[in-house]
Amino acid sequence: MRVIRIGKLWLAAGCLALLAVGLLIGFIVAVLGFRQVGNLLEVIAIIRSDYIEDVSPGQLVDGAAKGIVESLGDPYSIYLEPRTYRHLKDQIRGSFGGLGIVVGLKEDHLTVIKPFPNTPAGRAGMKAGDVITKINEEQTEGLDLETAVNLMRGPVGTEVTLTVMRTGSGPLEITLRREEINVPSVEGRLLPEKVGYIAISQFSEKTPGELDRMVSDLKTQGMRALILDLRDNPGGELHAAVKVADYFVPRGPVVYVDFKRGRDEVHNADSYRLSLPLVVLVNEYSASASEIVAAAIKETGSGSVVGTRTYGKGMVQSVYPLKNGAGLKLTTARYLTPKKNDINEKGVEPDVLVEQPKDGEGDRQLTVAQESLMRRLQNEEPVVKQAAGG
């Protein structure tokens, strides 16, 4: 009797499993259509029977999921295989060390924008322009910037190996030990005619406080106008960007977050603002949060934007854990400017178009910004609004 009962239980479990599989297949067919599902199953069957190497079902599922996400044509939506997603979660938890570099995407390559001295990257001799092709065993091709940065972070004292391509040499493997990085994201100084200069390299939770201290210091020195340099700034935290914009724009919207489903968000500036003549410097590597700040300043008439068109990253991503241990990073919203313009793949157009010299000599964009503010201070003419030569 016991054997019969166990047999009945297994039979019932098998029936339930078949029913579940049948319902799943029925759902997929209803969503995708019989022909598309048939094609997918046919490809899997052919690979399983005829491909020269053995392939596990898990590998095929991962490949199919990755292909589905890639078919969206969205560089920021990615399927994170279990190993990558597990590593990413490890880096996001707890307190972390870093390497001391600012990175960005240049021509879709993860590129070092700026290494800081006396940091692991600086001491190892990493240079601006180095292209990072691998982070440990993870290829960077296809990774969005935020994921790549998180993979480079980790607990203080742990190591990470970067594979780097550098002009004039072959691949270099550089192993770095993570440290607590205290390099400020805000740097500044007073230029001639008491024009303040503040550069923000990226937006972190510390950036608004650093900006507050820098502005106070420059005001104490008699600052009469300001250049805000957001060139090569890859972005960062949204709330930090909103607080920075709040320094320069009047009360009202700084940015809208437009979701497909649910209520949209609006982030507002309060009534306080720094009422000084202002020029913002941007280039093609100013992205995401830096574009939010530049667009808010431009559209509210709070300052003039000088440089070249920005990168055009105006999308918001959410990360979803999947049952097989993988993860899905999916674009779920877009940033809209105060005038509800969509900057994704369009960027922010400068008021004053200024190309940098190709020979790398001099900083023409900074010079144009200084000259326009000095004319403003001397009451000769308002800040320039037409294109300047490159």
Protein backbone atom coordinates (compact mmCIF):
# COMPACT_ATOMS: atom_id res chain seq x y z
CA MET A 1 0.00 0.00 0.00
CA ARG A 2 2.83 2.37 0.83
CA VAL A 3 4.42 1.74 -2.59
CA ILE A 4 1.10 2.41 -4.30
CA ARG A 5 0.64 5.69 -2.40
CA ILE A 6 4.13 6.87 -3.30
CA GLY A 7 3.52 5.93 -6.91
CA LYS A 8 0.30 7.94 -6.92
CA LEU A 9 2.10 10.95 -5.44
CA TRP A 10 4.79 10.81 -8.12
CA LEU A 11 2.09 10.45 -10.78
CA ALA A 12 0.23 13.49 -9.40
CA ALA A 13 3.46 15.52 -9.25
CA GLY A 14 4.28 14.54 -12.81
CA CYS A 15 0.84 15.57 -14.00
CA LEU A 16 1.16 18.92 -12.25
CA ALA A 17 4.59 19.48 -13.81
CA LEU A 18 3.27 18.66 -17.27
CA LEU A 19 0.31 20.96 -16.66
CA ALA A 20 2.65 23.79 -15.60
CA VAL A 21 4.86 23.29 -18.66
CA GLY A 22 1.79 23.18 -20.88
CA LEU A 23 0.42 26.39 -19.38
CA LEU A 24 3.83 28.08 -19.80
CA ILE A 25 4.10 27.03 -23.43
CA GLY A 26 0.51 28.11 -24.00
CA PHE A 27 1.25 31.51 -22.49
CA ILE A 28 4.38 31.97 -24.61
CA VAL A 29 2.49 30.97 -27.73
CA ALA A 30 -0.30 33.42 -26.87
CA VAL A 31 2.19 36.26 -26.41
CA LEU A 32 4.63 35.55 -29.25
CA GLY A 33 2.55 33.55 -31.67
CA PHE A 34 2.90 29.89 -32.68
CA ARG A 35 5.26 30.52 -35.60
CA GLN A 36 7.81 32.48 -33.54
CA VAL A 37 7.77 29.91 -30.71
CA GLY A 38 8.04 27.12 -33.26
CA ASN A 39 11.12 28.74 -34.79
CA LEU A 40 12.74 29.06 -31.37
CA LEU A 41 12.04 25.46 -30.43
CA GLU A 42 13.26 24.26 -33.82
CA VAL A 43 16.57 26.11 -33.43
CA ILE A 44 17.04 24.63 -29.95
CA ALA A 45 16.25 21.13 -31.20
CA ILE A 46 18.70 21.38 -34.13
CA ILE A 47 21.48 22.67 -31.87
CA ARG A 48 20.87 19.93 -29.30
CA SER A 49 20.94 17.17 -31.94
CA ASP A 50 23.48 18.35 -34.53
CA TYR A 51 25.85 20.95 -33.02
CA ILE A 52 29.36 19.49 -32.79
CA GLU A 53 29.75 20.28 -29.08
CA ASP A 54 27.46 19.41 -26.19
CA VAL A 55 25.41 22.38 -25.04
CA SER A 56 23.57 22.53 -21.72
CA PRO A 57 19.92 23.67 -21.60
CA GLY A 58 21.00 26.46 -19.21
CA GLN A 59 23.46 27.82 -21.76
CA LEU A 60 20.75 27.89 -24.41
CA VAL A 61 18.29 29.63 -22.09
CA ASP A 62 20.90 32.26 -21.15
CA GLY A 63 21.68 32.80 -24.84
CA ALA A 64 18.02 33.12 -25.77
CA ALA A 65 17.35 35.60 -22.95
CA LYS A 66 20.41 37.64 -23.86
CA GLY A 67 19.33 37.72 -27.51
CA ILE A 68 15.81 38.86 -26.59
CA VAL A 69 17.19 41.81 -24.62
CA GLU A 70 19.73 42.68 -27.34
CA SER A 71 16.90 42.70 -29.90
CA LEU A 72 15.55 45.82 -28.15
CA GLY A 73 18.44 47.79 -29.64
CA ASP A 74 18.87 49.60 -26.31
CA PRO A 75 22.52 49.85 -25.17
CA TYR A 76 21.42 50.31 -21.55
CA SER A 77 19.19 47.22 -21.30
CA ILE A 78 21.26 44.10 -20.71
CA TYR A 79 20.83 40.50 -19.58
CA LEU A 80 23.28 39.81 -16.77
CA GLU A 81 24.32 36.16 -16.71
CA PRO A 82 24.30 34.57 -13.24
CA ARG A 83 28.05 35.01 -12.68
CA THR A 84 28.02 38.68 -13.73
CA TYR A 85 24.88 39.44 -11.75
CA ARG A 86 26.22 37.69 -8.63
CA HIS A 87 29.46 39.67 -8.89
CA LEU A 88 27.51 42.89 -9.40
CA LYS A 89 25.39 42.28 -6.30
CA ASP A 90 28.52 41.58 -4.27
CA GLN A 91 29.94 44.95 -5.28
CA ILE A 92 26.74 46.86 -4.53
CA ARG A 93 26.46 45.54 -0.93
CA GLY A 94 28.36 47.00 2.02
CA SER A 95 31.13 49.61 2.01
CA PHE A 96 33.41 49.76 -0.98
CA GLY A 97 36.77 50.74 -2.19
CA GLY A 98 37.59 52.08 -5.60
CA LEU A 99 40.48 52.49 -8.01
CA GLY A 100 40.76 56.25 -8.41
CA ILE A 101 39.68 56.71 -12.02
CA VAL A 102 36.85 58.45 -13.83
CA VAL A 103 35.65 56.41 -16.81
CA GLY A 104 33.22 57.05 -19.66
CA LEU A 105 32.01 55.50 -22.88
CA LYS A 106 33.92 56.83 -25.87
CA GLU A 107 32.78 55.35 -29.17
CA ASP A 108 31.15 52.56 -27.12
CA HIS A 109 34.47 51.65 -25.44
CA LEU A 110 34.96 51.87 -21.67
CA THR A 111 37.65 54.54 -21.53
CA VAL A 112 39.65 56.15 -18.73
CA ILE A 113 38.80 59.86 -18.66
CA LYS A 114 40.97 60.82 -15.71
CA PRO A 115 43.19 58.89 -13.27
CA PHE A 116 43.77 60.58 -9.91
CA PRO A 117 47.27 60.76 -8.41
CA ASN A 118 48.08 58.81 -5.27
CA THR A 119 45.34 56.24 -5.93
CA PRO A 120 45.67 52.59 -7.05
CA ALA A 121 45.10 53.56 -10.69
CA GLY A 122 47.40 56.59 -10.51
CA ARG A 123 50.26 54.66 -8.90
CA ALA A 124 49.89 51.84 -11.46
CA GLY A 125 50.41 54.32 -14.29
CA MET A 126 46.95 54.21 -15.85
CA LYS A 127 46.45 57.03 -18.36
CA ALA A 128 43.62 59.05 -19.82
CA GLY A 129 42.60 57.33 -23.04
CA ASP A 130 43.27 53.78 -21.82
CA VAL A 131 40.49 51.48 -23.05
CA ILE A 132 39.39 48.87 -20.48
CA THR A 133 38.37 45.71 -22.34
CA LYS A 134 37.97 43.33 -19.38
CA ILE A 135 37.24 43.65 -15.66
CA ASN A 136 38.57 40.41 -14.19
CA GLU A 137 37.03 37.87 -16.56
CA GLU A 138 34.10 40.05 -17.66
CA GLN A 139 34.24 41.56 -21.14
CA THR A 140 33.25 45.24 -21.04
CA GLU A 141 31.83 45.20 -24.55
CA GLY A 142 28.06 45.53 -24.23
CA LEU A 143 28.17 46.59 -20.57
CA ASP A 144 26.57 49.91 -19.72
CA LEU A 145 28.66 52.43 -17.80
CA GLU A 146 26.95 52.00 -14.42
CA THR A 147 27.40 48.22 -14.43
CA ALA A 148 31.07 48.52 -15.44
CA VAL A 149 31.77 51.03 -12.65
CA ASN A 150 30.08 48.80 -10.07
CA LEU A 151 32.16 45.83 -11.19
CA MET A 152 35.35 47.80 -10.59
CA ARG A 153 34.27 48.71 -7.06
CA GLY A 154 34.51 46.28 -4.17
CA PRO A 155 35.55 45.80 -0.55
CA VAL A 156 38.68 47.69 0.48
CA GLY A 157 41.74 45.47 0.19
CA THR A 158 40.38 43.18 -2.53
CA GLU A 159 41.98 43.02 -5.97
CA VAL A 160 40.64 43.54 -9.46
CA THR A 161 42.46 42.92 -12.73
CA LEU A 162 41.83 45.26 -15.67
CA THR A 163 42.79 44.37 -19.22
CA VAL A 164 43.72 47.62 -20.95
CA MET A 165 44.39 48.62 -24.55
CA ARG A 166 46.72 51.61 -24.89
CA THR A 167 47.80 53.41 -28.03
CA GLY A 168 51.18 52.11 -29.15
CA SER A 169 51.14 48.92 -27.09
CA GLY A 170 49.42 45.56 -26.88
CA PRO A 171 46.96 44.45 -24.19
CA LEU A 172 48.10 45.22 -20.65
CA GLU A 173 46.90 43.41 -17.55
CA ILE A 174 46.92 45.69 -14.52
CA THR A 175 46.02 44.29 -11.10
CA LEU A 176 44.90 46.91 -8.58
CA ARG A 177 44.09 46.64 -4.89
CA ARG A 178 40.96 48.60 -4.01
CA GLU A 179 41.26 51.43 -1.51
CA GLU A 180 38.92 53.92 0.11
CA ILE A 181 38.97 56.76 -2.37
CA ASN A 182 38.57 60.27 -1.00
CA VAL A 183 39.31 62.21 -4.17
CA PRO A 184 36.80 65.09 -4.30
CA SER A 185 34.34 65.23 -7.19
CA VAL A 186 34.47 69.05 -7.11
CA GLU A 187 37.57 71.15 -7.83
CA GLY A 188 37.79 74.91 -8.26
CA ARG A 189 39.85 78.06 -8.35
CA LEU A 190 39.53 81.79 -9.01
CA LEU A 191 40.44 82.96 -12.53
CA PRO A 192 41.40 86.53 -13.57
CA GLU A 193 38.72 89.21 -13.18
CA LYS A 194 37.35 87.21 -10.22
CA VAL A 195 35.69 84.62 -12.45
CA GLY A 196 35.14 81.45 -10.48
CA TYR A 197 35.89 78.06 -12.06
CA ILE A 198 34.32 74.87 -10.68
CA ALA A 199 34.76 71.44 -12.31
CA ILE A 200 32.56 68.49 -11.30
CA SER A 201 34.06 65.16 -12.42
CA GLN A 202 31.03 63.02 -11.48
CA PHE A 203 27.93 63.18 -9.28
CA SER A 204 28.03 61.31 -5.97
CA GLU A 205 26.22 61.78 -2.67
CA LYS A 206 29.16 63.96 -1.52
CA THR A 207 29.04 66.30 -4.52
CA PRO A 208 26.43 68.82 -3.23
CA GLY A 209 28.34 69.31 0.03
CA GLU A 210 31.64 69.70 -1.82
CA LEU A 211 30.02 72.23 -4.15
CA ASP A 212 28.62 74.20 -1.21
CA ARG A 213 32.07 74.49 0.37
CA MET A 214 33.71 75.45 -2.93
CA VAL A 215 31.12 78.14 -3.71
CA SER A 216 31.48 79.59 -0.20
CA ASP A 217 35.27 79.69 -0.57
CA LEU A 218 35.13 81.40 -3.97
CA LYS A 219 32.54 83.92 -2.75
CA THR A 220 34.86 84.77 0.13
CA GLN A 221 37.54 85.53 -2.48
CA GLY A 222 35.17 87.92 -4.25
CA MET A 223 33.82 85.73 -7.08
CA ARG A 224 31.75 87.83 -9.53
CA ALA A 225 30.85 85.18 -12.16
CA LEU A 226 31.17 81.44 -12.53
CA ILE A 227 32.20 78.78 -15.05
CA LEU A 228 30.75 75.34 -14.24
CA ASP A 229 32.77 72.66 -16.05
CA LEU A 230 30.82 69.44 -16.73
CA ARG A 231 33.04 68.19 -19.56
CA ASP A 232 33.87 64.46 -19.48
CA ASN A 233 31.42 64.06 -16.58
CA PRO A 234 29.74 60.63 -17.09
CA GLY A 235 26.90 61.36 -14.65
CA GLY A 236 26.10 59.63 -11.38
CA GLU A 237 23.39 60.02 -8.79
CA LEU A 238 20.16 61.74 -9.85
CA HIS A 239 19.50 63.33 -6.46
CA ALA A 240 23.02 64.80 -6.38
CA ALA A 241 22.48 66.32 -9.83
CA VAL A 242 19.17 67.85 -8.74
CA LYS A 243 20.80 69.40 -5.67
CA VAL A 244 23.61 70.84 -7.84
CA ALA A 245 21.12 72.29 -10.34
CA ASP A 246 19.21 73.77 -7.39
CA TYR A 247 22.16 76.14 -6.85
CA PHE A 248 21.70 77.74 -10.24
CA VAL A 249 18.06 77.55 -11.40
CA PRO A 250 14.91 79.25 -10.08
CA ARG A 251 12.10 77.48 -8.25
CA GLY A 252 10.43 74.90 -10.46
CA PRO A 253 11.15 71.61 -12.24
CA VAL A 254 14.75 70.49 -12.71
CA VAL A 255 13.94 67.14 -14.34
CA TYR A 256 10.96 64.88 -14.98
CA VAL A 257 11.22 61.09 -14.78
CA ASP A 258 8.74 59.72 -17.30
CA PHE A 259 7.70 56.09 -16.64
CA LYS A 260 5.79 53.81 -18.99
CA ARG A 261 3.58 52.73 -16.09
CA GLY A 262 2.64 54.46 -12.87
CA ARG A 263 2.96 58.05 -11.81
CA ASP A 264 5.75 60.18 -13.25
CA GLU A 265 8.20 61.92 -10.92
CA VAL A 266 9.20 65.56 -10.92
CA HIS A 267 12.25 66.89 -9.07
CA ASN A 268 12.05 70.58 -8.21
CA ALA A 269 14.44 73.35 -7.24
CA ASP A 270 13.64 75.56 -4.27
CA SER A 271 13.63 79.36 -4.21
CA TYR A 272 17.35 79.84 -3.39
CA ARG A 273 19.78 80.24 -6.25
CA LEU A 274 23.27 81.64 -6.82
CA SER A 275 22.55 84.78 -8.84
CA LEU A 276 25.81 85.24 -10.72
CA PRO A 277 26.58 85.35 -14.46
CA LEU A 278 27.07 81.69 -15.36
CA VAL A 279 28.56 79.64 -18.21
CA VAL A 280 28.41 75.83 -18.30
CA LEU A 281 31.06 73.88 -20.22
CA VAL A 282 30.01 70.58 -21.84
CA ASN A 283 31.34 68.18 -24.46
CA GLU A 284 30.35 64.94 -26.18
CA TYR A 285 31.30 62.95 -23.05
CA SER A 286 29.04 64.89 -20.69
CA ALA A 287 26.33 62.33 -20.00
CA SER A 288 23.26 61.51 -17.93
CA ALA A 289 23.24 63.53 -14.68
CA SER A 290 25.56 66.19 -16.14
CA GLU A 291 23.13 66.61 -19.05
CA ILE A 292 20.27 67.06 -16.57
CA VAL A 293 22.13 69.96 -14.91
CA ALA A 294 23.18 71.55 -18.22
CA ALA A 295 19.66 71.30 -19.70
CA ALA A 296 18.04 72.77 -16.59
CA ILE A 297 20.42 75.75 -16.59
CA LYS A 298 19.95 76.31 -20.32
CA GLU A 299 16.15 75.99 -20.42
CA THR A 300 15.55 78.18 -17.37
CA GLY A 301 17.80 80.91 -18.81
CA SER A 302 20.06 80.70 -15.76
CA GLY A 303 23.25 80.57 -17.80
CA SER A 304 24.81 79.93 -21.18
CA VAL A 305 26.08 76.52 -22.33
CA VAL A 306 29.42 76.44 -24.19
CA GLY A 307 31.16 73.52 -25.90
CA THR A 308 29.87 70.66 -28.05
CA ARG A 309 26.65 68.61 -28.04
CA THR A 310 26.46 66.28 -25.05
CA TYR A 311 26.37 62.46 -25.13
CA GLY A 312 22.59 61.97 -25.10
CA LYS A 313 21.95 59.50 -22.26
CA GLY A 314 18.46 60.25 -20.99
CA MET A 315 17.24 56.84 -19.87
CA VAL A 316 16.61 55.32 -16.42
CA GLN A 317 17.29 51.64 -15.70
CA SER A 318 15.82 49.22 -13.15
CA VAL A 319 17.42 45.89 -12.17
CA TYR A 320 15.27 42.76 -11.78
CA PRO A 321 16.54 39.50 -10.22
CA LEU A 322 15.62 36.39 -12.21
CA LYS A 323 14.88 32.92 -10.83
CA ASN A 324 17.93 31.25 -12.41
CA GLY A 325 20.31 33.59 -10.57
CA ALA A 326 20.65 35.97 -13.51
CA GLY A 327 19.54 39.60 -13.60
CA LEU A 328 17.85 41.92 -16.06
CA LYS A 329 18.77 45.58 -16.27
CA LEU A 330 15.97 47.20 -18.25
CA THR A 331 15.23 50.75 -19.32
CA THR A 332 12.00 51.68 -17.55
CA ALA A 333 11.83 55.48 -17.74
CA ARG A 334 13.31 58.51 -19.46
CA TYR A 335 14.56 61.86 -18.23
CA LEU A 336 12.76 64.94 -19.54
CA THR A 337 14.11 68.49 -19.22
CA PRO A 338 12.21 71.33 -17.50
CA LYS A 339 10.51 72.02 -20.87
CA LYS A 340 9.81 68.27 -21.20
CA ASN A 341 12.31 67.70 -23.99
CA ASP A 342 13.68 64.19 -24.47
CA ILE A 343 17.50 64.34 -24.68
CA ASN A 344 18.14 60.63 -25.24
CA GLU A 345 20.33 60.11 -28.32
CA LYS A 346 19.97 63.87 -28.95
CA GLY A 347 21.98 65.42 -26.16
CA VAL A 348 21.98 69.06 -25.07
CA GLU A 349 22.94 71.52 -27.80
CA PRO A 350 25.24 74.29 -26.55
CA ASP A 351 24.31 77.93 -26.93
CA VAL A 352 27.86 78.52 -28.11
CA LEU A 353 29.36 75.77 -30.27
CA VAL A 354 33.11 75.58 -29.65
CA GLU A 355 35.27 72.65 -30.77
CA GLN A 356 38.54 71.96 -28.99
CA PRO A 357 41.72 72.18 -31.13
CA LYS A 358 42.56 68.77 -32.57
CA ASP A 359 46.23 69.20 -31.74
CA GLY A 360 45.28 69.31 -28.07
CA GLU A 361 46.97 72.65 -27.48
CA GLY A 362 45.13 75.12 -25.29
CA ASP A 363 41.57 75.05 -23.94
CA ARG A 364 39.52 77.03 -26.42
CA GLN A 365 36.21 76.22 -24.74
CA LEU A 366 37.39 77.60 -21.41
CA THR A 367 38.85 80.67 -23.14
CA VAL A 368 35.53 81.43 -24.90
CA ALA A 369 33.67 81.03 -21.59
CA GLN A 370 36.06 83.40 -19.82
CA GLU A 371 35.89 86.00 -22.58
CA SER A 372 32.09 85.99 -22.68
CA LEU A 373 31.80 86.39 -18.91
CA MET A 374 34.40 89.17 -18.84
CA ARG A 375 32.44 91.05 -21.50
CA ARG A 376 29.31 90.56 -19.41
CA LEU A 377 31.05 91.89 -16.31
CA GLN A 378 32.38 94.86 -18.22
CA ASN A 379 28.83 95.61 -19.49
CA GLU A 380 30.02 95.49 -23.08
CA GLU A 381 27.45 92.90 -24.18
CA PRO A 382 25.44 90.01 -22.77
CA VAL A 383 26.81 86.48 -22.64
CA VAL A 384 27.27 85.23 -26.20
CA LYS A 385 24.37 83.34 -27.78
CA GLN A 386 25.62 82.70 -31.31
CA ALA A 387 27.96 80.02 -32.61
CA ALA A 388 31.68 80.54 -32.28
CA GLY A 389 34.29 79.08 -34.61
CA GLY A 390 36.14 75.85 -33.80
